Amino acid sequence: MLKKTMMITLSLMLFACSNNDDTTENPTTPSAENEIFSFKGDDAIGTSYVPRLVKINQTNGTTTDLIQTTLGESVYGSVYNKATNEIIGIGNNDKLIKFNLTTNTYTSVSLNLTGDFGYEDLIIDNNNNLYAFKFDDAIGTSYIPRLVKINQANGTATDLIQTTLGESPYGFVFNKGTNEILGIGKNDKLLKFNLNTNTLSSVSLNLTGDFGYEDLIIDNNNNLYAFKFDDAIGTSYIPRLVSLNQTNGTATDLIQTTLGQSVYGFVYNKGTNEILGITNNDKLLKFNLTTNTYSSVNLSNTTDGYYENLVIN
């Protein structure tokens, strides 16, 4: 009787372990958080290099090829959809390109754009809804640029919030605390698209002369940052990471880089409390918000190659 009881108990334990293993290996669950990816292309004339999505090692800058596209493809404005485990970007010929990190395959959907219409970047909210800023490049256009919501299945767009004629914001981020999309607008304004009220407000960024901001970055506590530079010829201003007050637009200097440094494609790594970006001399720059210091590593295989922004899962 004891032997039979032990066999039943052992069977139940094996069954439970089997169930736990199945859950762990669920293919819809990302393997790890805070990994960074980028779309890698080649600027060489007549190149035979097929652009692809790569994963970047944050410690040594080496890359792992993941998903090839087609010769001559270019992808920008990429974001990560945690529900589908996909990196989504805008490709050639006005396509929405979706890189599936579970299957290492990609699909595309037409964005149904005509004429001179285009999208400036993509933005994704906390519920994995997808947005973009839509504009018209036609000379003398009367089209009012606007924030739209994009259907990820069929590429159709729903108008949400109009701006003003000629507006052209960039560097978008999503603030989950206020449910707002933030971007940098004309005349050095911080634009705030409120998704609760479908209204727009703006705050002056108090910039003068040739100063400007390269993108926006937001951390896990909805603090806002930007990379500040000076375009003046012969400037002695050291580019730096600053913290931005979302209420009044004032900036607080945090971390200086080096003269002439240019950084783009920023993401925030909540695991290390670092802001990561790509420099003009093919380095991965890491701004540590705990110590207010920065470090860098060389990115591998950059002869004629380029990286199009960063994406983090």
C-alpha atoms as a PDB file:
ATOM      1  CA  MET A   1       0.000   0.000   0.000  1.00  0.00           C
ATOM      2  CA  LEU A   2       2.875   2.374   0.867  1.00  0.00           C
ATOM      3  CA  LYS A   3       4.616   1.567  -2.434  1.00  0.00           C
ATOM      4  CA  LYS A   4       1.421   2.321  -4.390  1.00  0.00           C
ATOM      5  CA  THR A   5       0.956   5.640  -2.526  1.00  0.00           C
ATOM      6  CA  MET A   6       4.544   6.667  -3.280  1.00  0.00           C
ATOM      7  CA  MET A   7       4.087   5.884  -6.982  1.00  0.00           C
ATOM      8  CA  ILE A   8       0.922   8.003  -7.159  1.00  0.00           C
ATOM      9  CA  THR A   9       2.664  10.901  -5.385  1.00  0.00           C
ATOM     10  CA  LEU A  10       5.649  10.674  -7.737  1.00  0.00           C
ATOM     11  CA  SER A  11       3.342  10.665 -10.766  1.00  0.00           C
ATOM     12  CA  LEU A  12       1.568  13.785  -9.544  1.00  0.00           C
ATOM     13  CA  MET A  13       4.907  15.538  -8.968  1.00  0.00           C
ATOM     14  CA  LEU A  14       6.100  14.677 -12.488  1.00  0.00           C
ATOM     15  CA  PHE A  15       2.819  15.903 -13.949  1.00  0.00           C
ATOM     16  CA  ALA A  16       3.134  19.212 -12.061  1.00  0.00           C
ATOM     17  CA  CYS A  17       6.731  19.666 -13.231  1.00  0.00           C
ATOM     18  CA  SER A  18       5.664  18.941 -16.795  1.00  0.00           C
ATOM     19  CA  ASN A  19       2.976  21.616 -16.575  1.00  0.00           C
ATOM     20  CA  ASN A  20       5.452  24.150 -15.168  1.00  0.00           C
ATOM     21  CA  ASP A  21       7.899  23.460 -18.014  1.00  0.00           C
ATOM     22  CA  ASP A  22       5.182  24.070 -20.600  1.00  0.00           C
ATOM     23  CA  THR A  23       4.408  27.442 -19.027  1.00  0.00           C
ATOM     24  CA  THR A  24       8.061  28.469 -18.976  1.00  0.00           C
ATOM     25  CA  GLU A  25       8.499  27.624 -22.656  1.00  0.00           C
ATOM     26  CA  ASN A  26       5.421  29.537 -23.804  1.00  0.00           C
ATOM     27  CA  PRO A  27       6.578  30.931 -27.182  1.00  0.00           C
ATOM     28  CA  THR A  28       4.625  34.180 -26.769  1.00  0.00           C
ATOM     29  CA  THR A  29       6.735  35.212 -23.762  1.00  0.00           C
ATOM     30  CA  PRO A  30       9.905  37.229 -24.556  1.00  0.00           C
ATOM     31  CA  SER A  31      13.086  35.442 -23.437  1.00  0.00           C
ATOM     32  CA  ALA A  32      14.438  38.480 -21.574  1.00  0.00           C
ATOM     33  CA  GLU A  33      13.642  42.107 -20.830  1.00  0.00           C
ATOM     34  CA  ASN A  34      15.771  45.159 -21.586  1.00  0.00           C
ATOM     35  CA  GLU A  35      17.457  43.713 -24.671  1.00  0.00           C
ATOM     36  CA  ILE A  36      18.210  46.300 -27.351  1.00  0.00           C
ATOM     37  CA  PHE A  37      17.708  45.954 -31.078  1.00  0.00           C
ATOM     38  CA  SER A  38      18.364  48.054 -34.143  1.00  0.00           C
ATOM     39  CA  PHE A  39      17.763  47.993 -37.881  1.00  0.00           C
ATOM     40  CA  LYS A  40      21.130  47.721 -39.630  1.00  0.00           C
ATOM     41  CA  GLY A  41      21.685  48.896 -43.204  1.00  0.00           C
ATOM     42  CA  ASP A  42      24.629  49.518 -45.541  1.00  0.00           C
ATOM     43  CA  ASP A  43      25.317  52.875 -47.210  1.00  0.00           C
ATOM     44  CA  ALA A  44      27.874  51.518 -49.696  1.00  0.00           C
ATOM     45  CA  ILE A  45      27.044  52.193 -53.371  1.00  0.00           C
ATOM     46  CA  GLY A  46      25.889  49.009 -55.086  1.00  0.00           C
ATOM     47  CA  THR A  47      25.904  47.073 -51.825  1.00  0.00           C
ATOM     48  CA  SER A  48      24.671  43.496 -51.779  1.00  0.00           C
ATOM     49  CA  TYR A  49      24.136  43.636 -48.015  1.00  0.00           C
ATOM     50  CA  VAL A  50      20.573  42.784 -47.070  1.00  0.00           C
ATOM     51  CA  PRO A  51      19.353  45.121 -44.278  1.00  0.00           C
ATOM     52  CA  ARG A  52      18.285  43.307 -41.144  1.00  0.00           C
ATOM     53  CA  LEU A  53      17.137  43.502 -37.560  1.00  0.00           C
ATOM     54  CA  VAL A  54      19.991  42.834 -35.133  1.00  0.00           C
ATOM     55  CA  LYS A  55      20.312  42.430 -31.376  1.00  0.00           C
ATOM     56  CA  ILE A  56      23.077  44.496 -29.742  1.00  0.00           C
ATOM     57  CA  ASN A  57      25.146  43.317 -26.797  1.00  0.00           C
ATOM     58  CA  GLN A  58      25.139  46.258 -24.377  1.00  0.00           C
ATOM     59  CA  THR A  59      28.422  45.190 -22.777  1.00  0.00           C
ATOM     60  CA  ASN A  60      30.697  44.817 -25.801  1.00  0.00           C
ATOM     61  CA  GLY A  61      28.765  46.251 -28.773  1.00  0.00           C
ATOM     62  CA  THR A  62      28.692  43.051 -30.809  1.00  0.00           C
ATOM     63  CA  THR A  63      25.573  42.262 -32.835  1.00  0.00           C
ATOM     64  CA  THR A  64      23.572  39.134 -33.554  1.00  0.00           C
ATOM     65  CA  ASP A  65      21.673  38.952 -36.847  1.00  0.00           C
ATOM     66  CA  LEU A  66      18.000  38.122 -36.320  1.00  0.00           C
ATOM     67  CA  ILE A  67      15.702  38.896 -39.259  1.00  0.00           C
ATOM     68  CA  GLN A  68      16.706  39.847 -42.813  1.00  0.00           C
ATOM     69  CA  THR A  69      14.426  42.032 -44.913  1.00  0.00           C
ATOM     70  CA  THR A  70      15.001  42.691 -48.639  1.00  0.00           C
ATOM     71  CA  LEU A  71      17.779  44.475 -50.540  1.00  0.00           C
ATOM     72  CA  GLY A  72      17.428  48.253 -50.216  1.00  0.00           C
ATOM     73  CA  GLU A  73      14.842  48.174 -47.414  1.00  0.00           C
ATOM     74  CA  SER A  74      14.937  51.019 -44.914  1.00  0.00           C
ATOM     75  CA  VAL A  75      13.020  51.022 -41.635  1.00  0.00           C
ATOM     76  CA  TYR A  76      12.575  53.896 -39.180  1.00  0.00           C
ATOM     77  CA  GLY A  77      10.473  54.976 -36.195  1.00  0.00           C
ATOM     78  CA  SER A  78      10.530  51.518 -34.617  1.00  0.00           C
ATOM     79  CA  VAL A  79       8.733  50.629 -31.377  1.00  0.00           C
ATOM     80  CA  TYR A  80       8.198  47.420 -29.385  1.00  0.00           C
ATOM     81  CA  ASN A  81       4.783  45.797 -28.888  1.00  0.00           C
ATOM     82  CA  LYS A  82       5.039  43.697 -25.721  1.00  0.00           C
ATOM     83  CA  ALA A  83       1.687  41.962 -26.331  1.00  0.00           C
ATOM     84  CA  THR A  84       2.762  40.477 -29.672  1.00  0.00           C
ATOM     85  CA  ASN A  85       6.538  40.420 -29.015  1.00  0.00           C
ATOM     86  CA  GLU A  86       7.050  42.394 -32.219  1.00  0.00           C
ATOM     87  CA  ILE A  87       9.229  45.312 -33.229  1.00  0.00           C
ATOM     88  CA  ILE A  88       7.191  47.570 -35.517  1.00  0.00           C
ATOM     89  CA  GLY A  89       8.587  50.180 -37.895  1.00  0.00           C
ATOM     90  CA  ILE A  90       7.812  52.100 -41.079  1.00  0.00           C
ATOM     91  CA  GLY A  91       9.420  50.676 -44.220  1.00  0.00           C
ATOM     92  CA  ASN A  92       9.872  51.621 -47.861  1.00  0.00           C
ATOM     93  CA  ASN A  93       6.766  52.321 -49.945  1.00  0.00           C
ATOM     94  CA  ASP A  94       4.753  53.274 -46.858  1.00  0.00           C
ATOM     95  CA  LYS A  95       4.553  49.877 -45.212  1.00  0.00           C
ATOM     96  CA  LEU A  96       4.141  48.934 -41.579  1.00  0.00           C
ATOM     97  CA  ILE A  97       6.830  46.295 -40.976  1.00  0.00           C
ATOM     98  CA  LYS A  98       6.442  43.874 -38.069  1.00  0.00           C
ATOM     99  CA  PHE A  99       9.442  41.865 -36.852  1.00  0.00           C
ATOM    100  CA  ASN A 100       8.257  38.920 -34.757  1.00  0.00           C
ATOM    101  CA  LEU A 101      10.872  38.105 -32.100  1.00  0.00           C
ATOM    102  CA  THR A 102       9.222  34.784 -31.273  1.00  0.00           C
ATOM    103  CA  THR A 103       9.447  33.347 -34.789  1.00  0.00           C
ATOM    104  CA  ASN A 104      12.264  35.548 -36.183  1.00  0.00           C
ATOM    105  CA  THR A 105      10.126  36.373 -39.206  1.00  0.00           C
ATOM    106  CA  TYR A 106       8.627  39.593 -40.513  1.00  0.00           C
ATOM    107  CA  THR A 107       5.408  40.652 -42.197  1.00  0.00           C
ATOM    108  CA  SER A 108       4.235  43.946 -43.655  1.00  0.00           C
ATOM    109  CA  VAL A 109       0.983  45.849 -44.056  1.00  0.00           C
ATOM    110  CA  SER A 110       0.279  48.787 -46.379  1.00  0.00           C
ATOM    111  CA  LEU A 111      -0.275  52.101 -44.585  1.00  0.00           C
ATOM    112  CA  ASN A 112      -2.636  53.237 -47.349  1.00  0.00           C
ATOM    113  CA  LEU A 113      -0.831  56.557 -47.921  1.00  0.00           C
ATOM    114  CA  THR A 114      -1.100  58.466 -51.194  1.00  0.00           C
ATOM    115  CA  GLY A 115       0.564  61.509 -52.739  1.00  0.00           C
ATOM    116  CA  ASP A 116       2.970  63.362 -50.453  1.00  0.00           C
ATOM    117  CA  PHE A 117       1.533  62.081 -47.181  1.00  0.00           C
ATOM    118  CA  GLY A 118       3.903  60.522 -44.667  1.00  0.00           C
ATOM    119  CA  TYR A 119       4.342  59.525 -41.029  1.00  0.00           C
ATOM    120  CA  GLU A 120       6.880  60.956 -38.583  1.00  0.00           C
ATOM    121  CA  ASP A 121       7.901  58.138 -36.251  1.00  0.00           C
ATOM    122  CA  LEU A 122       5.686  55.676 -34.408  1.00  0.00           C
ATOM    123  CA  ILE A 123       4.579  55.802 -30.773  1.00  0.00           C
ATOM    124  CA  ILE A 124       3.108  52.991 -28.681  1.00  0.00           C
ATOM    125  CA  ASP A 125       1.181  53.427 -25.435  1.00  0.00           C
ATOM    126  CA  ASN A 126       0.952  51.262 -22.323  1.00  0.00           C
ATOM    127  CA  ASN A 127      -1.866  49.211 -23.876  1.00  0.00           C
ATOM    128  CA  ASN A 128       0.101  48.600 -27.107  1.00  0.00           C
ATOM    129  CA  ASN A 129      -2.012  50.993 -29.179  1.00  0.00           C
ATOM    130  CA  LEU A 130       0.004  52.428 -32.081  1.00  0.00           C
ATOM    131  CA  TYR A 131       0.158  56.110 -33.088  1.00  0.00           C
ATOM    132  CA  ALA A 132       2.006  58.285 -35.607  1.00  0.00           C
ATOM    133  CA  PHE A 133       2.240  61.930 -36.631  1.00  0.00           C
ATOM    134  CA  LYS A 134       0.824  62.403 -40.146  1.00  0.00           C
ATOM    135  CA  PHE A 135       1.890  65.236 -42.452  1.00  0.00           C
ATOM    136  CA  ASP A 136       1.735  66.288 -46.115  1.00  0.00           C
ATOM    137  CA  ASP A 137       4.951  67.308 -47.902  1.00  0.00           C
ATOM    138  CA  ALA A 138       3.141  68.813 -50.883  1.00  0.00           C
ATOM    139  CA  ILE A 139       4.115  72.440 -51.626  1.00  0.00           C
ATOM    140  CA  GLY A 140       1.385  74.817 -50.509  1.00  0.00           C
ATOM    141  CA  THR A 141      -0.550  72.060 -48.759  1.00  0.00           C
ATOM    142  CA  SER A 142      -3.582  73.022 -46.714  1.00  0.00           C
ATOM    143  CA  TYR A 143      -3.490  69.736 -44.790  1.00  0.00           C
ATOM    144  CA  ILE A 144      -3.277  70.211 -41.020  1.00  0.00           C
ATOM    145  CA  PRO A 145      -0.688  67.788 -39.555  1.00  0.00           C
ATOM    146  CA  ARG A 146      -2.175  65.535 -36.899  1.00  0.00           C
ATOM    147  CA  LEU A 147      -1.746  62.643 -34.509  1.00  0.00           C
ATOM    148  CA  VAL A 148      -3.388  59.460 -35.793  1.00  0.00           C
ATOM    149  CA  LYS A 149      -4.007  56.006 -34.374  1.00  0.00           C
ATOM    150  CA  ILE A 150      -2.910  53.137 -36.630  1.00  0.00           C
ATOM    151  CA  ASN A 151      -4.608  49.763 -36.907  1.00  0.00           C
ATOM    152  CA  GLN A 152      -1.745  47.258 -36.694  1.00  0.00           C
ATOM    153  CA  ALA A 153      -3.677  44.577 -38.571  1.00  0.00           C
ATOM    154  CA  ASN A 154      -4.668  46.505 -41.711  1.00  0.00           C
ATOM    155  CA  GLY A 155      -2.701  49.782 -41.608  1.00  0.00           C
ATOM    156  CA  THR A 156      -5.713  52.113 -41.582  1.00  0.00           C
ATOM    157  CA  ALA A 157      -5.488  55.347 -39.586  1.00  0.00           C
ATOM    158  CA  THR A 158      -7.977  57.185 -37.371  1.00  0.00           C
ATOM    159  CA  ASP A 159      -7.520  60.950 -36.927  1.00  0.00           C
ATOM    160  CA  LEU A 160      -7.165  61.998 -33.283  1.00  0.00           C
ATOM    161  CA  ILE A 161      -5.608  65.411 -32.628  1.00  0.00           C
ATOM    162  CA  GLN A 162      -4.898  68.177 -35.152  1.00  0.00           C
ATOM    163  CA  THR A 163      -2.029  70.601 -34.636  1.00  0.00           C
ATOM    164  CA  THR A 164      -1.500  73.738 -36.782  1.00  0.00           C
ATOM    165  CA  LEU A 165      -0.531  74.246 -40.411  1.00  0.00           C
ATOM    166  CA  GLY A 166       3.163  73.551 -40.930  1.00  0.00           C
ATOM    167  CA  GLU A 167       3.773  71.938 -37.544  1.00  0.00           C
ATOM    168  CA  SER A 168       6.434  69.192 -37.584  1.00  0.00           C
ATOM    169  CA  PRO A 169       7.137  67.585 -34.211  1.00  0.00           C
ATOM    170  CA  TYR A 170       9.706  64.832 -33.645  1.00  0.00           C
ATOM    171  CA  GLY A 171      11.295  62.793 -30.857  1.00  0.00           C
ATOM    172  CA  PHE A 172       8.045  61.351 -29.517  1.00  0.00           C
ATOM    173  CA  VAL A 173       7.660  59.485 -26.219  1.00  0.00           C
ATOM    174  CA  PHE A 174       4.661  58.245 -24.237  1.00  0.00           C
ATOM    175  CA  ASN A 175       4.045  59.363 -20.655  1.00  0.00           C
ATOM    176  CA  LYS A 176       2.052  56.590 -18.975  1.00  0.00           C
ATOM    177  CA  GLY A 177       1.472  58.757 -15.891  1.00  0.00           C
ATOM    178  CA  THR A 178      -0.468  61.449 -17.773  1.00  0.00           C
ATOM    179  CA  ASN A 179      -1.531  59.347 -20.807  1.00  0.00           C
ATOM    180  CA  GLU A 180       0.127  61.914 -23.072  1.00  0.00           C
ATOM    181  CA  ILE A 181       2.312  61.662 -26.148  1.00  0.00           C
ATOM    182  CA  LEU A 182       5.124  64.230 -25.950  1.00  0.00           C
ATOM    183  CA  GLY A 183       7.159  65.642 -28.832  1.00  0.00           C
ATOM    184  CA  ILE A 184       9.326  68.608 -29.789  1.00  0.00           C
ATOM    185  CA  GLY A 185       7.513  71.060 -32.063  1.00  0.00           C
ATOM    186  CA  LYS A 186       8.331  74.119 -34.140  1.00  0.00           C
ATOM    187  CA  ASN A 187       9.755  77.180 -32.407  1.00  0.00           C
ATOM    188  CA  ASP A 188      11.217  75.017 -29.645  1.00  0.00           C
ATOM    189  CA  LYS A 189       7.993  73.930 -27.970  1.00  0.00           C
ATOM    190  CA  LEU A 190       7.201  70.817 -25.975  1.00  0.00           C
ATOM    191  CA  LEU A 191       3.959  69.474 -27.476  1.00  0.00           C
ATOM    192  CA  LYS A 192       1.647  67.364 -25.318  1.00  0.00           C
ATOM    193  CA  PHE A 193      -1.040  65.247 -26.996  1.00  0.00           C
ATOM    194  CA  ASN A 194      -3.536  64.209 -24.315  1.00  0.00           C
ATOM    195  CA  LEU A 195      -5.090  60.844 -25.213  1.00  0.00           C
ATOM    196  CA  ASN A 196      -7.813  61.186 -22.548  1.00  0.00           C
ATOM    197  CA  THR A 197      -9.221  64.435 -23.931  1.00  0.00           C
ATOM    198  CA  ASN A 198      -7.844  64.325 -27.509  1.00  0.00           C
ATOM    199  CA  THR A 199      -6.481  67.842 -27.052  1.00  0.00           C
ATOM    200  CA  LEU A 200      -3.095  69.476 -27.567  1.00  0.00           C
ATOM    201  CA  SER A 201      -1.135  71.848 -25.337  1.00  0.00           C
ATOM    202  CA  SER A 202       2.391  73.226 -25.554  1.00  0.00           C
ATOM    203  CA  VAL A 203       5.134  74.651 -23.344  1.00  0.00           C
ATOM    204  CA  SER A 204       8.112  76.763 -24.405  1.00  0.00           C
ATOM    205  CA  LEU A 205      11.463  74.979 -24.050  1.00  0.00           C
ATOM    206  CA  ASN A 206      13.238  78.282 -23.393  1.00  0.00           C
ATOM    207  CA  LEU A 207      15.924  77.735 -26.056  1.00  0.00           C
ATOM    208  CA  THR A 208      17.865  80.586 -27.642  1.00  0.00           C
ATOM    209  CA  GLY A 209      20.313  80.967 -30.514  1.00  0.00           C
ATOM    210  CA  ASP A 210      21.366  77.727 -32.201  1.00  0.00           C
ATOM    211  CA  PHE A 211      20.558  75.437 -29.292  1.00  0.00           C
ATOM    212  CA  GLY A 212      18.356  72.417 -29.942  1.00  0.00           C
ATOM    213  CA  TYR A 213      17.240  69.061 -28.572  1.00  0.00           C
ATOM    214  CA  GLU A 214      17.862  65.684 -30.215  1.00  0.00           C
ATOM    215  CA  ASP A 215      14.906  63.460 -29.393  1.00  0.00           C
ATOM    216  CA  LEU A 216      13.161  62.946 -26.067  1.00  0.00           C
ATOM    217  CA  ILE A 217      13.579  60.071 -23.622  1.00  0.00           C
ATOM    218  CA  ILE A 218      11.319  59.065 -20.745  1.00  0.00           C
ATOM    219  CA  ASP A 219      12.215  56.809 -17.820  1.00  0.00           C
ATOM    220  CA  ASN A 220      10.150  54.331 -15.824  1.00  0.00           C
ATOM    221  CA  ASN A 221       8.954  57.089 -13.472  1.00  0.00           C
ATOM    222  CA  ASN A 222       7.881  59.356 -16.365  1.00  0.00           C
ATOM    223  CA  ASN A 223      10.802  61.753 -15.932  1.00  0.00           C
ATOM    224  CA  LEU A 224      11.647  63.429 -19.241  1.00  0.00           C
ATOM    225  CA  TYR A 225      15.112  63.848 -20.757  1.00  0.00           C
ATOM    226  CA  ALA A 226      16.681  65.189 -23.958  1.00  0.00           C
ATOM    227  CA  PHE A 227      20.109  65.517 -25.572  1.00  0.00           C
ATOM    228  CA  LYS A 228      21.004  69.209 -25.903  1.00  0.00           C
ATOM    229  CA  PHE A 229      23.412  70.556 -28.532  1.00  0.00           C
ATOM    230  CA  ASP A 230      24.486  73.840 -30.167  1.00  0.00           C
ATOM    231  CA  ASP A 231      24.514  74.089 -33.975  1.00  0.00           C
ATOM    232  CA  ALA A 232      26.527  77.312 -34.024  1.00  0.00           C
ATOM    233  CA  ILE A 233      29.713  77.147 -36.139  1.00  0.00           C
ATOM    234  CA  GLY A 234      32.772  76.900 -33.905  1.00  0.00           C
ATOM    235  CA  THR A 235      30.678  76.415 -30.780  1.00  0.00           C
ATOM    236  CA  SER A 236      32.459  75.621 -27.530  1.00  0.00           C
ATOM    237  CA  TYR A 237      29.272  74.243 -25.957  1.00  0.00           C
ATOM    238  CA  ILE A 238      29.625  70.651 -24.738  1.00  0.00           C
ATOM    239  CA  PRO A 239      26.550  68.584 -25.754  1.00  0.00           C
ATOM    240  CA  ARG A 240      24.823  67.041 -22.755  1.00  0.00           C
ATOM    241  CA  LEU A 241      21.930  65.059 -21.378  1.00  0.00           C
ATOM    242  CA  VAL A 242      19.375  67.255 -19.616  1.00  0.00           C
ATOM    243  CA  SER A 243      16.255  66.644 -17.553  1.00  0.00           C
ATOM    244  CA  LEU A 244      13.177  68.555 -18.754  1.00  0.00           C
ATOM    245  CA  ASN A 245      10.401  69.948 -16.578  1.00  0.00           C
ATOM    246  CA  GLN A 246       7.183  68.959 -18.374  1.00  0.00           C
ATOM    247  CA  THR A 247       5.210  71.795 -16.768  1.00  0.00           C
ATOM    248  CA  ASN A 248       7.367  74.803 -17.611  1.00  0.00           C
ATOM    249  CA  GLY A 249       9.956  73.496 -20.102  1.00  0.00           C
ATOM    250  CA  THR A 250      13.040  74.365 -18.059  1.00  0.00           C
ATOM    251  CA  ALA A 251      16.092  72.101 -18.310  1.00  0.00           C
ATOM    252  CA  THR A 252      18.533  70.807 -15.705  1.00  0.00           C
ATOM    253  CA  ASP A 253      21.998  69.764 -16.900  1.00  0.00           C
ATOM    254  CA  LEU A 254      22.881  66.179 -15.985  1.00  0.00           C
ATOM    255  CA  ILE A 255      25.706  64.568 -17.974  1.00  0.00           C
ATOM    256  CA  GLN A 256      28.130  66.259 -20.371  1.00  0.00           C
ATOM    257  CA  THR A 257      29.664  64.330 -23.265  1.00  0.00           C
ATOM    258  CA  THR A 258      32.490  65.697 -25.479  1.00  0.00           C
ATOM    259  CA  LEU A 259      32.733  68.607 -27.911  1.00  0.00           C
ATOM    260  CA  GLY A 260      31.018  67.820 -31.216  1.00  0.00           C
ATOM    261  CA  GLN A 261      29.350  64.654 -29.967  1.00  0.00           C
ATOM    262  CA  SER A 262      26.075  63.762 -31.690  1.00  0.00           C
ATOM    263  CA  VAL A 263      23.784  61.085 -30.278  1.00  0.00           C
ATOM    264  CA  TYR A 264      20.490  59.690 -31.597  1.00  0.00           C
ATOM    265  CA  GLY A 265      18.081  56.768 -31.292  1.00  0.00           C
ATOM    266  CA  PHE A 266      17.680  56.896 -27.523  1.00  0.00           C
ATOM    267  CA  VAL A 267      16.026  54.248 -25.338  1.00  0.00           C
ATOM    268  CA  TYR A 268      15.736  53.839 -21.567  1.00  0.00           C
ATOM    269  CA  ASN A 269      16.895  50.622 -19.875  1.00  0.00           C
ATOM    270  CA  LYS A 270      14.948  50.269 -16.634  1.00  0.00           C
ATOM    271  CA  GLY A 271      17.117  47.314 -15.561  1.00  0.00           C
ATOM    272  CA  THR A 272      20.295  49.412 -15.404  1.00  0.00           C
ATOM    273  CA  ASN A 273      18.692  52.885 -15.067  1.00  0.00           C
ATOM    274  CA  GLU A 274      20.607  53.976 -18.160  1.00  0.00           C
ATOM    275  CA  ILE A 275      19.719  55.972 -21.255  1.00  0.00           C
ATOM    276  CA  LEU A 276      21.317  54.419 -24.346  1.00  0.00           C
ATOM    277  CA  GLY A 277      22.021  56.099 -27.671  1.00  0.00           C
ATOM    278  CA  ILE A 278      24.105  55.760 -30.840  1.00  0.00           C
ATOM    279  CA  THR A 279      26.870  58.281 -31.545  1.00  0.00           C
ATOM    280  CA  ASN A 280      28.096  59.810 -34.794  1.00  0.00           C
ATOM    281  CA  ASN A 281      31.265  57.702 -34.567  1.00  0.00           C
ATOM    282  CA  ASP A 282      29.513  54.341 -34.189  1.00  0.00           C
ATOM    283  CA  LYS A 283      29.561  53.938 -30.437  1.00  0.00           C
ATOM    284  CA  LEU A 284      26.862  52.821 -28.028  1.00  0.00           C
ATOM    285  CA  LEU A 285      26.668  55.581 -25.424  1.00  0.00           C
ATOM    286  CA  LYS A 286      25.302  54.763 -21.962  1.00  0.00           C
ATOM    287  CA  PHE A 287      24.147  57.565 -19.642  1.00  0.00           C
ATOM    288  CA  ASN A 288      23.868  56.227 -16.088  1.00  0.00           C
ATOM    289  CA  LEU A 289      21.122  58.131 -14.245  1.00  0.00           C
ATOM    290  CA  THR A 290      22.168  56.724 -10.873  1.00  0.00           C
ATOM    291  CA  THR A 291      25.738  58.057 -11.019  1.00  0.00           C
ATOM    292  CA  ASN A 292      25.272  60.854 -13.615  1.00  0.00           C
ATOM    293  CA  THR A 293      28.182  59.481 -15.633  1.00  0.00           C
ATOM    294  CA  TYR A 294      28.466  58.018 -19.107  1.00  0.00           C
ATOM    295  CA  SER A 295      30.441  55.249 -20.773  1.00  0.00           C
ATOM    296  CA  SER A 296      30.663  53.933 -24.321  1.00  0.00           C
ATOM    297  CA  VAL A 297      31.414  50.770 -26.277  1.00  0.00           C
ATOM    298  CA  ASN A 298      32.270  50.420 -29.964  1.00  0.00           C
ATOM    299  CA  LEU A 299      29.560  48.968 -32.199  1.00  0.00           C
ATOM    300  CA  SER A 300      30.810  46.105 -34.360  1.00  0.00           C
ATOM    301  CA  ASN A 301      30.856  45.871 -38.171  1.00  0.00           C
ATOM    302  CA  THR A 302      30.115  49.494 -39.063  1.00  0.00           C
ATOM    303  CA  THR A 303      32.186  49.896 -42.282  1.00  0.00           C
ATOM    304  CA  ASP A 304      29.655  51.559 -44.612  1.00  0.00           C
ATOM    305  CA  GLY A 305      26.990  50.246 -42.251  1.00  0.00           C
ATOM    306  CA  TYR A 306      24.594  52.241 -40.122  1.00  0.00           C
ATOM    307  CA  TYR A 307      22.155  51.657 -37.289  1.00  0.00           C
ATOM    308  CA  GLU A 308      18.647  53.129 -37.464  1.00  0.00           C
ATOM    309  CA  ASN A 309      17.691  54.075 -33.917  1.00  0.00           C
ATOM    310  CA  LEU A 310      17.429  51.654 -30.999  1.00  0.00           C
ATOM    311  CA  VAL A 311      14.477  49.638 -29.685  1.00  0.00           C
ATOM    312  CA  ILE A 312      14.223  48.000 -26.264  1.00  0.00           C
ATOM    313  CA  ASN A 313      11.855  45.225 -25.203  1.00  0.00           C
END
